[in-house]
C-alpha atoms as a PDB file:
ATOM      1  CA  MET A   1    -224.410 -27.940 -90.830  1.00  0.00           C
ATOM      2  CA  SER A   2    -226.041 -27.959 -87.358  1.00  0.00           C
ATOM      3  CA  THR A   3    -224.687 -29.681 -84.497  1.00  0.00           C
ATOM      4  CA  VAL A   4    -226.738 -31.317 -81.944  1.00  0.00           C
ATOM      5  CA  LYS A   5    -225.400 -32.457 -78.518  1.00  0.00           C
ATOM      6  CA  VAL A   6    -226.544 -36.124 -77.900  1.00  0.00           C
ATOM      7  CA  GLU A   7    -225.445 -38.157 -74.813  1.00  0.00           C
ATOM      8  CA  VAL A   8    -225.308 -41.777 -75.576  1.00  0.00           C
ATOM      9  CA  GLN A   9    -223.311 -44.758 -74.214  1.00  0.00           C
ATOM     10  CA  MET A  10    -221.335 -46.675 -76.677  1.00  0.00           C
ATOM     11  CA  ARG A  11    -218.380 -49.272 -76.559  1.00  0.00           C
ATOM     12  CA  SER A  12    -215.095 -48.172 -77.590  1.00  0.00           C
ATOM     13  CA  GLN A  13    -215.394 -50.482 -80.560  1.00  0.00           C
ATOM     14  CA  ASP A  14    -218.492 -48.651 -81.792  1.00  0.00           C
ATOM     15  CA  LEU A  15    -216.746 -45.395 -81.409  1.00  0.00           C
ATOM     16  CA  LEU A  16    -213.847 -46.642 -83.445  1.00  0.00           C
ATOM     17  CA  LYS A  17    -216.210 -47.672 -86.303  1.00  0.00           C
ATOM     18  CA  ALA A  18    -217.830 -44.163 -86.175  1.00  0.00           C
ATOM     19  CA  VAL A  19    -214.321 -42.650 -86.198  1.00  0.00           C
ATOM     20  CA  GLU A  20    -213.534 -44.581 -89.281  1.00  0.00           C
ATOM     21  CA  GLN A  21    -216.055 -42.762 -91.261  1.00  0.00           C
ATOM     22  CA  LEU A  22    -214.381 -39.457 -90.779  1.00  0.00           C
ATOM     23  CA  SER A  23    -212.528 -37.740 -93.657  1.00  0.00           C
ATOM     24  CA  GLN A  24    -209.002 -37.559 -93.393  1.00  0.00           C
ATOM     25  CA  ALA A  25    -208.789 -33.901 -92.333  1.00  0.00           C
ATOM     26  CA  ASP A  26    -211.570 -34.511 -89.614  1.00  0.00           C
ATOM     27  CA  LEU A  27    -209.585 -37.648 -88.555  1.00  0.00           C
ATOM     28  CA  GLU A  28    -206.600 -35.822 -88.041  1.00  0.00           C
ATOM     29  CA  GLN A  29    -208.273 -33.236 -86.072  1.00  0.00           C
ATOM     30  CA  PHE A  30    -210.023 -35.729 -83.842  1.00  0.00           C
ATOM     31  CA  VAL A  31    -206.818 -37.447 -83.306  1.00  0.00           C
ATOM     32  CA  SER A  32    -205.195 -34.244 -82.130  1.00  0.00           C
ATOM     33  CA  GLN A  33    -208.121 -33.420 -79.881  1.00  0.00           C
ATOM     34  CA  VAL A  34    -207.764 -37.054 -78.338  1.00  0.00           C
ATOM     35  CA  ILE A  35    -204.009 -36.470 -77.660  1.00  0.00           C
ATOM     36  CA  VAL A  36    -204.920 -33.219 -76.000  1.00  0.00           C
ATOM     37  CA  LEU A  37    -207.461 -34.872 -73.827  1.00  0.00           C
ATOM     38  CA  GLN A  38    -205.032 -37.778 -72.942  1.00  0.00           C
ATOM     39  CA  ALA A  39    -202.244 -35.224 -71.978  1.00  0.00           C
ATOM     40  CA  GLN A  40    -204.774 -33.157 -69.878  1.00  0.00           C
ATOM     41  CA  ARG A  41    -205.843 -36.419 -67.894  1.00  0.00           C
ATOM     42  CA  LYS A  42    -202.470 -37.353 -67.403  1.00  0.00           C
ATOM     43  CA  ALA A  43    -201.556 -33.744 -66.386  1.00  0.00           C
ATOM     44  CA  THR A  44    -204.060 -33.778 -63.454  1.00  0.00           C
ATOM     45  CA  SER A  45    -201.685 -35.917 -61.320  1.00  0.00           C
ATOM     46  CA  LEU A  46    -198.465 -34.067 -62.346  1.00  0.00           C
ATOM     47  CA  PRO A  47    -196.783 -30.902 -61.101  1.00  0.00           C
ATOM     48  CA  LEU A  48    -197.854 -27.913 -63.044  1.00  0.00           C
ATOM     49  CA  GLN A  49    -194.720 -27.251 -64.953  1.00  0.00           C
ATOM     50  CA  GLU A  50    -194.483 -31.024 -66.063  1.00  0.00           C
ATOM     51  CA  ALA A  51    -198.265 -30.834 -67.050  1.00  0.00           C
ATOM     52  CA  GLU A  52    -197.679 -27.701 -68.972  1.00  0.00           C
ATOM     53  CA  LEU A  53    -194.710 -29.199 -70.956  1.00  0.00           C
ATOM     54  CA  LEU A  54    -196.573 -32.406 -71.692  1.00  0.00           C
ATOM     55  CA  MET A  55    -199.470 -30.274 -73.069  1.00  0.00           C
ATOM     56  CA  LYS A  56    -197.040 -28.515 -75.434  1.00  0.00           C
ATOM     57  CA  ILE A  57    -195.283 -31.667 -76.356  1.00  0.00           C
ATOM     58  CA  ASN A  58    -198.492 -33.264 -77.449  1.00  0.00           C
ATOM     59  CA  GLN A  59    -200.010 -30.376 -79.156  1.00  0.00           C
ATOM     60  CA  GLY A  60    -198.398 -31.498 -82.264  1.00  0.00           C
ATOM     61  CA  ILE A  61    -198.931 -29.717 -85.727  1.00  0.00           C
ATOM     62  CA  PRO A  62    -202.242 -28.080 -86.542  1.00  0.00           C
ATOM     63  CA  ALA A  63    -204.424 -30.429 -88.505  1.00  0.00           C
ATOM     64  CA  GLU A  64    -204.931 -28.142 -91.452  1.00  0.00           C
ATOM     65  CA  THR A  65    -201.289 -27.615 -91.731  1.00  0.00           C
ATOM     66  CA  GLN A  66    -200.485 -31.418 -91.500  1.00  0.00           C
ATOM     67  CA  HIS A  67    -203.257 -32.055 -94.246  1.00  0.00           C
ATOM     68  CA  ARG A  68    -201.760 -29.463 -96.715  1.00  0.00           C
ATOM     69  CA  TYR A  69    -198.204 -30.635 -96.035  1.00  0.00           C
ATOM     70  CA  ASN A  70    -199.218 -34.161 -96.772  1.00  0.00           C
ATOM     71  CA  GLU A  71    -200.961 -32.973 -99.929  1.00  0.00           C
ATOM     72  CA  LEU A  72    -198.084 -31.210-101.143  1.00  0.00           C
ATOM     73  CA  ILE A  73    -195.647 -34.114-100.336  1.00  0.00           C
ATOM     74  CA  ALA A  74    -197.904 -36.562-102.342  1.00  0.00           C
ATOM     75  CA  LYS A  75    -197.827 -33.990-105.318  1.00  0.00           C
ATOM     76  CA  ARG A  76    -193.939 -33.880-104.865  1.00  0.00           C
ATOM     77  CA  ASP A  77    -193.545 -37.649-104.987  1.00  0.00           C
ATOM     78  CA  ALA A  78    -195.995 -37.725-108.081  1.00  0.00           C
ATOM     79  CA  GLU A  79    -193.981 -35.095-109.748  1.00  0.00           C
ATOM     80  CA  THR A  80    -196.858 -32.863-110.233  1.00  0.00           C
ATOM     81  CA  LEU A  81    -195.875 -29.977-107.890  1.00  0.00           C
ATOM     82  CA  THR A  82    -196.136 -26.388-109.324  1.00  0.00           C
ATOM     83  CA  ILE A  83    -193.337 -23.730-108.519  1.00  0.00           C
ATOM     84  CA  ASP A  84    -195.829 -21.900-106.039  1.00  0.00           C
ATOM     85  CA  GLU A  85    -196.682 -25.204-104.572  1.00  0.00           C
ATOM     86  CA  HIS A  86    -193.001 -26.058-104.149  1.00  0.00           C
ATOM     87  CA  GLN A  87    -192.482 -22.737-102.372  1.00  0.00           C
ATOM     88  CA  ASN A  88    -195.371 -23.455-100.141  1.00  0.00           C
ATOM     89  CA  LEU A  89    -193.973 -26.872 -99.338  1.00  0.00           C
ATOM     90  CA  LEU A  90    -190.678 -25.250 -98.415  1.00  0.00           C
ATOM     91  CA  SER A  91    -192.453 -22.717 -96.159  1.00  0.00           C
ATOM     92  CA  LEU A  92    -194.557 -25.483 -94.509  1.00  0.00           C
ATOM     93  CA  SER A  93    -191.439 -27.850 -94.131  1.00  0.00           C
ATOM     94  CA  GLU A  94    -189.729 -25.038 -92.242  1.00  0.00           C
ATOM     95  CA  GLN A  95    -192.743 -24.416 -89.877  1.00  0.00           C
ATOM     96  CA  VAL A  96    -193.015 -28.229 -89.298  1.00  0.00           C
ATOM     97  CA  GLU A  97    -189.335 -28.485 -88.433  1.00  0.00           C
ATOM     98  CA  LYS A  98    -189.552 -25.488 -86.121  1.00  0.00           C
ATOM     99  CA  LEU A  99    -192.538 -27.051 -84.323  1.00  0.00           C
ATOM    100  CA  GLN A 100    -190.595 -30.350 -84.070  1.00  0.00           C
ATOM    101  CA  ALA A 101    -187.543 -28.699 -82.846  1.00  0.00           C
ATOM    102  CA  GLN A 102    -189.589 -26.788 -80.057  1.00  0.00           C
ATOM    103  CA  ARG A 103    -191.154 -30.177 -79.060  1.00  0.00           C
ATOM    104  CA  ILE A 104    -187.809 -31.558 -78.693  1.00  0.00           C
ATOM    105  CA  GLU A 105    -186.796 -28.640 -76.582  1.00  0.00           C
ATOM    106  CA  TYR A 106    -189.792 -29.361 -74.327  1.00  0.00           C
ATOM    107  CA  LEU A 107    -188.853 -32.985 -74.132  1.00  0.00           C
ATOM    108  CA  VAL A 108    -185.372 -32.024 -73.130  1.00  0.00           C
ATOM    109  CA  GLU A 109    -186.632 -29.804 -70.488  1.00  0.00           C
ATOM    110  CA  LEU A 110    -189.115 -32.557 -69.184  1.00  0.00           C
ATOM    111  CA  ALA A 111    -186.228 -35.208 -69.044  1.00  0.00           C
ATOM    112  CA  ASP A 112    -184.100 -32.739 -67.214  1.00  0.00           C
ATOM    113  CA  ILE A 113    -186.862 -32.126 -64.550  1.00  0.00           C
ATOM    114  CA  ARG A 114    -187.209 -35.936 -64.041  1.00  0.00           C
ATOM    115  CA  GLY A 115    -183.431 -36.440 -63.936  1.00  0.00           C
ATOM    116  CA  ILE A 116    -183.067 -38.768 -66.770  1.00  0.00           C
ATOM    117  CA  SER A 117    -181.261 -38.684 -70.300  1.00  0.00           C
ATOM    118  CA  LEU A 118    -183.571 -37.567 -73.278  1.00  0.00           C
ATOM    119  CA  THR A 119    -182.712 -40.830 -74.870  1.00  0.00           C
ATOM    120  CA  ASP A 120    -184.150 -42.735 -71.777  1.00  0.00           C
ATOM    121  CA  TYR A 121    -187.115 -40.451 -71.591  1.00  0.00           C
ATOM    122  CA  ILE A 122    -187.918 -40.925 -75.213  1.00  0.00           C
ATOM    123  CA  GLU A 123    -187.754 -44.659 -74.774  1.00  0.00           C
ATOM    124  CA  ASN A 124    -189.940 -44.582 -71.608  1.00  0.00           C
ATOM    125  CA  LEU A 125    -192.633 -42.618 -73.456  1.00  0.00           C
ATOM    126  CA  GLY A 126    -192.565 -45.156 -76.372  1.00  0.00           C
ATOM    127  CA  ILE A 127    -191.644 -42.638 -79.041  1.00  0.00           C
ATOM    128  CA  LYS A 128    -190.239 -44.106 -82.133  1.00  0.00           C
ATOM    129  CA  ILE A 129    -187.524 -41.958 -83.855  1.00  0.00           C
ATOM    130  CA  SER A 130    -187.388 -42.057 -87.547  1.00  0.00           C
ATOM    131  CA  GLU A 131    -183.862 -42.948 -88.870  1.00  0.00           C
ATOM    132  CA  TYR A 132    -182.845 -41.146 -92.113  1.00  0.00           C
END
């Protein structure tokens, strides 16, 4: 499919309606790109080290990896996972856990730079922590 650049003015509500039409994979990729854009805008007023850390924290899991991971979780929950898919899920789970651990390390470093505890920093950012 060809892509054409068109400049148009639209309200945020109209943009949201357009985004609602995206497939799940495209939506995940779009959200990731918006998060990176938001981090870049915030980063322009921050010291370089903090800006770089925020970019790394907000990068998240690649959309394709997240999509495949979600598919495999759904199959696991439906108890239709094959042995190969189970191995793939284990591998993806390990990748996701490593990425999340790296993000936490960046959060710790950023909290340290700002001179506050990780708990306080997470609360200030409005990050919700899942309780297992």
